[in-house]
Amino acid sequence: MRFEGSENYVATRDLTLAVNAAVTLQRPLLIKGEPGTGKTMLAEEVAGALGLPLFQWHIKSTTKAQQGLYEYDAVSRLRDSQLGEAKVADIANYIVKGVLWEAFNCETPSVVLID
């Protein structure tokens, strides 16, 4: 499994080396740069070229790191308990899986874009 660029993305030799090293070592690749430099396009092209699923996590100023893994919806559970819902007994009904949870739970390697 090697990334060589694609029809839509011409990668430099150094970038190709970095992507392939991350794939070979099965380690994350952190790409930083100014807005509009192609970081999102790189993630999309790597996922497409290697046939890997792409998970995107869009960060806002109010985003907390915990949300990448999961969120617990205590308000819905409280409301359901007041209404006598049977599903209250299983806390899994109130866990909202985050992007990182989905990526770790994926059966194949994946590309995660934190943007």
N, C-alpha and C. Protein backbone atom coordinates (compact mmCIF):
# COMPACT_ATOMS: atom_id res chain seq x y z
N MET A 1 0.85 -1.17 0.00
CA MET A 1 0.00 0.00 0.00
C MET A 1 0.90 1.23 0.00
N ARG A 2 0.94 1.92 -1.15
CA ARG A 2 1.78 3.10 -1.27
C ARG A 2 0.99 4.24 -1.91
N PHE A 3 1.26 5.43 -1.45
CA PHE A 3 0.64 6.63 -2.02
C PHE A 3 1.64 7.27 -2.96
N GLU A 4 1.21 7.49 -4.19
CA GLU A 4 2.08 8.10 -5.20
C GLU A 4 1.48 9.39 -5.74
N GLY A 5 0.43 9.89 -5.12
CA GLY A 5 -0.30 11.02 -5.66
C GLY A 5 -1.49 10.50 -6.44
N SER A 6 -2.17 11.37 -7.13
CA SER A 6 -3.32 10.95 -7.93
C SER A 6 -3.49 11.93 -9.08
N GLU A 7 -4.53 11.71 -9.88
CA GLU A 7 -4.81 12.62 -10.99
C GLU A 7 -5.11 14.03 -10.49
N ASN A 8 -5.75 14.10 -9.33
CA ASN A 8 -6.18 15.39 -8.80
C ASN A 8 -5.18 16.02 -7.84
N TYR A 9 -4.17 15.26 -7.42
CA TYR A 9 -3.24 15.78 -6.41
C TYR A 9 -1.83 15.37 -6.76
N VAL A 10 -0.99 16.35 -7.03
CA VAL A 10 0.41 16.10 -7.33
C VAL A 10 1.19 16.35 -6.04
N ALA A 11 1.66 15.27 -5.44
CA ALA A 11 2.38 15.37 -4.16
C ALA A 11 3.87 15.52 -4.41
N THR A 12 4.50 16.31 -3.57
CA THR A 12 5.95 16.44 -3.66
C THR A 12 6.60 15.15 -3.18
N ARG A 13 7.86 15.00 -3.48
CA ARG A 13 8.58 13.79 -3.06
C ARG A 13 8.61 13.68 -1.54
N ASP A 14 8.85 14.80 -0.86
CA ASP A 14 8.90 14.78 0.60
C ASP A 14 7.55 14.42 1.22
N LEU A 15 6.47 14.95 0.65
CA LEU A 15 5.13 14.65 1.16
C LEU A 15 4.77 13.19 0.92
N THR A 16 5.11 12.67 -0.26
CA THR A 16 4.87 11.26 -0.56
C THR A 16 5.64 10.37 0.40
N LEU A 17 6.88 10.73 0.69
CA LEU A 17 7.70 9.98 1.64
C LEU A 17 7.07 9.99 3.03
N ALA A 18 6.58 11.15 3.47
CA ALA A 18 5.97 11.27 4.80
C ALA A 18 4.69 10.44 4.90
N VAL A 19 3.85 10.50 3.87
CA VAL A 19 2.60 9.73 3.88
C VAL A 19 2.91 8.24 3.90
N ASN A 20 3.82 7.80 3.06
CA ASN A 20 4.14 6.37 3.00
C ASN A 20 4.83 5.88 4.27
N ALA A 21 5.63 6.72 4.90
CA ALA A 21 6.24 6.34 6.18
C ALA A 21 5.16 6.16 7.24
N ALA A 22 4.18 7.05 7.28
CA ALA A 22 3.08 6.93 8.25
C ALA A 22 2.27 5.67 7.99
N VAL A 23 2.02 5.36 6.73
CA VAL A 23 1.26 4.15 6.39
C VAL A 23 2.04 2.90 6.78
N THR A 24 3.33 2.87 6.45
CA THR A 24 4.16 1.70 6.75
C THR A 24 4.29 1.48 8.26
N LEU A 25 4.50 2.57 9.00
CA LEU A 25 4.67 2.47 10.45
C LEU A 25 3.34 2.39 11.20
N GLN A 26 2.23 2.56 10.47
CA GLN A 26 0.89 2.57 11.07
C GLN A 26 0.81 3.59 12.19
N ARG A 27 1.27 4.78 11.88
CA ARG A 27 1.28 5.90 12.83
C ARG A 27 0.56 7.10 12.20
N PRO A 28 0.07 7.99 13.04
CA PRO A 28 -0.60 9.19 12.50
C PRO A 28 0.39 10.10 11.78
N LEU A 29 -0.13 10.83 10.83
CA LEU A 29 0.65 11.83 10.11
C LEU A 29 -0.02 13.17 10.37
N LEU A 30 0.69 14.06 11.03
CA LEU A 30 0.17 15.39 11.33
C LEU A 30 0.66 16.36 10.25
N ILE A 31 -0.30 16.94 9.55
CA ILE A 31 0.00 17.92 8.51
C ILE A 31 -0.53 19.26 8.98
N LYS A 32 0.32 20.28 8.99
CA LYS A 32 -0.15 21.61 9.35
C LYS A 32 0.23 22.57 8.25
N GLY A 33 -0.51 23.66 8.21
CA GLY A 33 -0.23 24.66 7.20
C GLY A 33 -1.31 25.71 7.17
N GLU A 34 -1.07 26.72 6.39
CA GLU A 34 -2.02 27.82 6.25
C GLU A 34 -3.30 27.33 5.59
N PRO A 35 -4.42 28.02 5.86
CA PRO A 35 -5.67 27.67 5.19
C PRO A 35 -5.51 27.74 3.66
N GLY A 36 -6.10 26.78 3.00
CA GLY A 36 -6.06 26.79 1.54
C GLY A 36 -4.84 26.14 0.92
N THR A 37 -4.02 25.45 1.72
CA THR A 37 -2.81 24.85 1.17
C THR A 37 -3.01 23.39 0.75
N GLY A 38 -4.21 22.84 0.94
CA GLY A 38 -4.49 21.51 0.42
C GLY A 38 -4.44 20.38 1.43
N LYS A 39 -4.52 20.69 2.71
CA LYS A 39 -4.47 19.63 3.73
C LYS A 39 -5.68 18.71 3.63
N THR A 40 -6.87 19.29 3.46
CA THR A 40 -8.09 18.49 3.35
C THR A 40 -8.06 17.66 2.08
N MET A 41 -7.63 18.26 0.99
CA MET A 41 -7.55 17.53 -0.27
C MET A 41 -6.56 16.37 -0.17
N LEU A 42 -5.47 16.57 0.55
CA LEU A 42 -4.49 15.50 0.74
C LEU A 42 -5.14 14.31 1.44
N ALA A 43 -5.87 14.57 2.53
CA ALA A 43 -6.53 13.48 3.26
C ALA A 43 -7.51 12.74 2.36
N GLU A 44 -8.29 13.49 1.59
CA GLU A 44 -9.26 12.87 0.68
C GLU A 44 -8.57 12.03 -0.39
N GLU A 45 -7.49 12.53 -0.94
CA GLU A 45 -6.78 11.81 -2.00
C GLU A 45 -6.05 10.59 -1.46
N VAL A 46 -5.47 10.69 -0.26
CA VAL A 46 -4.80 9.52 0.34
C VAL A 46 -5.83 8.43 0.58
N ALA A 47 -6.97 8.80 1.15
CA ALA A 47 -8.02 7.81 1.42
C ALA A 47 -8.50 7.17 0.11
N GLY A 48 -8.72 7.99 -0.91
CA GLY A 48 -9.19 7.46 -2.18
C GLY A 48 -8.16 6.59 -2.88
N ALA A 49 -6.91 7.03 -2.89
CA ALA A 49 -5.85 6.28 -3.59
C ALA A 49 -5.56 4.94 -2.91
N LEU A 50 -5.66 4.91 -1.58
CA LEU A 50 -5.34 3.67 -0.85
C LEU A 50 -6.58 2.85 -0.53
N GLY A 51 -7.74 3.35 -0.91
CA GLY A 51 -8.98 2.62 -0.66
C GLY A 51 -9.33 2.52 0.82
N LEU A 52 -9.04 3.57 1.57
CA LEU A 52 -9.29 3.58 3.01
C LEU A 52 -10.48 4.47 3.33
N PRO A 53 -11.23 4.14 4.38
CA PRO A 53 -12.32 5.03 4.78
C PRO A 53 -11.78 6.34 5.34
N LEU A 54 -12.51 7.42 5.11
CA LEU A 54 -12.12 8.75 5.57
C LEU A 54 -13.12 9.22 6.61
N PHE A 55 -12.62 9.58 7.78
CA PHE A 55 -13.44 10.15 8.85
C PHE A 55 -13.02 11.60 9.02
N GLN A 56 -14.00 12.50 9.04
CA GLN A 56 -13.70 13.92 9.17
C GLN A 56 -14.27 14.46 10.48
N TRP A 57 -13.44 15.16 11.23
CA TRP A 57 -13.87 15.78 12.48
C TRP A 57 -13.59 17.27 12.35
N HIS A 58 -14.66 18.04 12.23
CA HIS A 58 -14.53 19.48 12.08
C HIS A 58 -14.55 20.14 13.46
N ILE A 59 -13.49 20.84 13.76
CA ILE A 59 -13.28 21.47 15.06
C ILE A 59 -13.81 22.90 15.04
N LYS A 60 -14.48 23.29 16.13
CA LYS A 60 -14.92 24.68 16.32
C LYS A 60 -14.25 25.20 17.59
N SER A 61 -14.45 26.45 17.87
CA SER A 61 -13.85 27.04 19.07
C SER A 61 -14.40 26.43 20.35
N THR A 62 -15.58 25.83 20.28
CA THR A 62 -16.20 25.24 21.47
C THR A 62 -15.98 23.72 21.57
N THR A 63 -15.29 23.14 20.61
CA THR A 63 -15.07 21.70 20.60
C THR A 63 -14.12 21.28 21.72
N LYS A 64 -14.46 20.18 22.39
CA LYS A 64 -13.61 19.62 23.43
C LYS A 64 -13.03 18.31 22.91
N ALA A 65 -11.83 17.97 23.36
CA ALA A 65 -11.15 16.76 22.89
C ALA A 65 -11.99 15.51 23.15
N GLN A 66 -12.70 15.48 24.26
CA GLN A 66 -13.53 14.33 24.63
C GLN A 66 -14.56 14.01 23.53
N GLN A 67 -15.04 15.03 22.84
CA GLN A 67 -16.06 14.83 21.82
C GLN A 67 -15.56 13.99 20.66
N GLY A 68 -14.26 13.91 20.47
CA GLY A 68 -13.71 13.06 19.43
C GLY A 68 -13.95 11.59 19.73
N LEU A 69 -13.99 11.24 21.01
CA LEU A 69 -14.24 9.86 21.41
C LEU A 69 -15.73 9.58 21.54
N TYR A 70 -16.39 10.32 22.41
CA TYR A 70 -17.83 10.12 22.60
C TYR A 70 -18.40 11.27 23.43
N GLU A 71 -19.73 11.35 23.40
CA GLU A 71 -20.46 12.27 24.27
C GLU A 71 -21.55 11.48 24.97
N TYR A 72 -21.80 11.80 26.22
CA TYR A 72 -22.86 11.17 27.00
C TYR A 72 -24.01 12.15 27.08
N ASP A 73 -25.19 11.74 26.63
CA ASP A 73 -26.36 12.61 26.61
C ASP A 73 -27.19 12.40 27.87
N ALA A 74 -26.76 13.04 28.95
CA ALA A 74 -27.43 12.89 30.25
C ALA A 74 -28.82 13.51 30.25
N VAL A 75 -29.01 14.58 29.51
CA VAL A 75 -30.30 15.26 29.49
C VAL A 75 -31.38 14.35 28.88
N SER A 76 -31.05 13.69 27.78
CA SER A 76 -32.02 12.76 27.17
C SER A 76 -32.32 11.59 28.09
N ARG A 77 -31.30 11.11 28.77
CA ARG A 77 -31.53 9.99 29.68
C ARG A 77 -32.43 10.41 30.84
N LEU A 78 -32.21 11.60 31.38
CA LEU A 78 -33.06 12.10 32.46
C LEU A 78 -34.50 12.25 31.98
N ARG A 79 -34.67 12.83 30.80
CA ARG A 79 -36.01 12.99 30.24
C ARG A 79 -36.70 11.65 30.06
N ASP A 80 -35.98 10.68 29.48
CA ASP A 80 -36.57 9.36 29.26
C ASP A 80 -36.90 8.66 30.57
N SER A 81 -36.08 8.87 31.60
CA SER A 81 -36.38 8.24 32.89
C SER A 81 -37.64 8.84 33.51
N GLN A 82 -37.85 10.12 33.30
CA GLN A 82 -39.06 10.77 33.81
C GLN A 82 -40.30 10.30 33.06
N LEU A 83 -40.12 9.90 31.80
CA LEU A 83 -41.24 9.41 31.00
C LEU A 83 -41.44 7.90 31.14
N GLY A 84 -40.58 7.26 31.91
CA GLY A 84 -40.71 5.83 32.16
C GLY A 84 -40.25 4.95 31.01
N GLU A 85 -39.35 5.45 30.20
CA GLU A 85 -38.84 4.66 29.06
C GLU A 85 -38.00 3.49 29.55
N ALA A 86 -38.17 2.34 28.91
CA ALA A 86 -37.41 1.13 29.28
C ALA A 86 -35.95 1.21 28.86
N LYS A 87 -35.66 1.98 27.82
CA LYS A 87 -34.28 2.03 27.31
C LYS A 87 -33.32 2.73 28.26
N VAL A 88 -33.83 3.35 29.32
CA VAL A 88 -32.98 4.05 30.29
C VAL A 88 -32.01 3.09 30.98
N ALA A 89 -32.39 1.84 31.09
CA ALA A 89 -31.56 0.84 31.78
C ALA A 89 -30.22 0.62 31.08
N ASP A 90 -30.16 0.85 29.78
CA ASP A 90 -28.92 0.63 29.02
C ASP A 90 -28.28 1.97 28.67
N ILE A 91 -27.19 2.28 29.33
CA ILE A 91 -26.52 3.58 29.12
C ILE A 91 -25.99 3.73 27.70
N ALA A 92 -25.78 2.63 27.00
CA ALA A 92 -25.29 2.68 25.62
C ALA A 92 -26.25 3.45 24.71
N ASN A 93 -27.52 3.50 25.08
CA ASN A 93 -28.50 4.25 24.30
C ASN A 93 -28.24 5.75 24.33
N TYR A 94 -27.39 6.20 25.22
CA TYR A 94 -27.15 7.64 25.41
C TYR A 94 -25.70 8.03 25.13
N ILE A 95 -24.95 7.12 24.54
CA ILE A 95 -23.57 7.39 24.15
C ILE A 95 -23.57 7.72 22.66
N VAL A 96 -23.10 8.91 22.33
CA VAL A 96 -22.97 9.33 20.93
C VAL A 96 -21.50 9.16 20.56
N LYS A 97 -21.24 8.23 19.65
CA LYS A 97 -19.86 7.93 19.26
C LYS A 97 -19.27 9.08 18.46
N GLY A 98 -18.01 9.40 18.75
CA GLY A 98 -17.30 10.45 18.03
C GLY A 98 -16.50 9.88 16.88
N VAL A 99 -15.85 10.76 16.16
CA VAL A 99 -15.08 10.38 14.98
C VAL A 99 -13.93 9.44 15.35
N LEU A 100 -13.23 9.73 16.43
CA LEU A 100 -12.10 8.87 16.81
C LEU A 100 -12.59 7.49 17.23
N TRP A 101 -13.72 7.41 17.90
CA TRP A 101 -14.30 6.11 18.26
C TRP A 101 -14.56 5.32 16.98
N GLU A 102 -15.19 5.96 16.01
CA GLU A 102 -15.51 5.28 14.75
C GLU A 102 -14.24 4.82 14.04
N ALA A 103 -13.20 5.65 14.06
CA ALA A 103 -11.95 5.28 13.40
C ALA A 103 -11.27 4.10 14.09
N PHE A 104 -11.24 4.12 15.43
CA PHE A 104 -10.64 3.01 16.16
C PHE A 104 -11.46 1.74 16.01
N ASN A 105 -12.76 1.88 15.84
CA ASN A 105 -13.67 0.74 15.73
C ASN A 105 -13.70 0.17 14.32
N CYS A 106 -13.11 0.86 13.37
CA CYS A 106 -13.10 0.46 11.97
C CYS A 106 -12.26 -0.82 11.81
N GLU A 107 -12.73 -1.72 10.96
CA GLU A 107 -12.03 -2.99 10.78
C GLU A 107 -10.77 -2.85 9.93
N THR A 108 -10.68 -1.77 9.19
CA THR A 108 -9.50 -1.56 8.34
C THR A 108 -8.79 -0.29 8.80
N PRO A 109 -7.55 -0.08 8.40
CA PRO A 109 -6.91 1.20 8.68
C PRO A 109 -7.75 2.30 8.04
N SER A 110 -7.65 3.50 8.57
CA SER A 110 -8.48 4.59 8.06
C SER A 110 -7.70 5.90 8.08
N VAL A 111 -8.27 6.89 7.41
CA VAL A 111 -7.72 8.23 7.40
C VAL A 111 -8.65 9.09 8.24
N VAL A 112 -8.08 9.83 9.20
CA VAL A 112 -8.86 10.73 10.04
C VAL A 112 -8.39 12.14 9.76
N LEU A 113 -9.32 12.98 9.35
CA LEU A 113 -9.03 14.39 9.09
C LEU A 113 -9.60 15.20 10.24
N ILE A 114 -8.73 15.84 11.00
CA ILE A 114 -9.15 16.75 12.08
C ILE A 114 -8.93 18.15 11.53
N ASP A 115 -10.01 18.81 11.24
CA ASP A 115 -9.93 20.09 10.51
C ASP A 115 -10.62 21.18 11.30
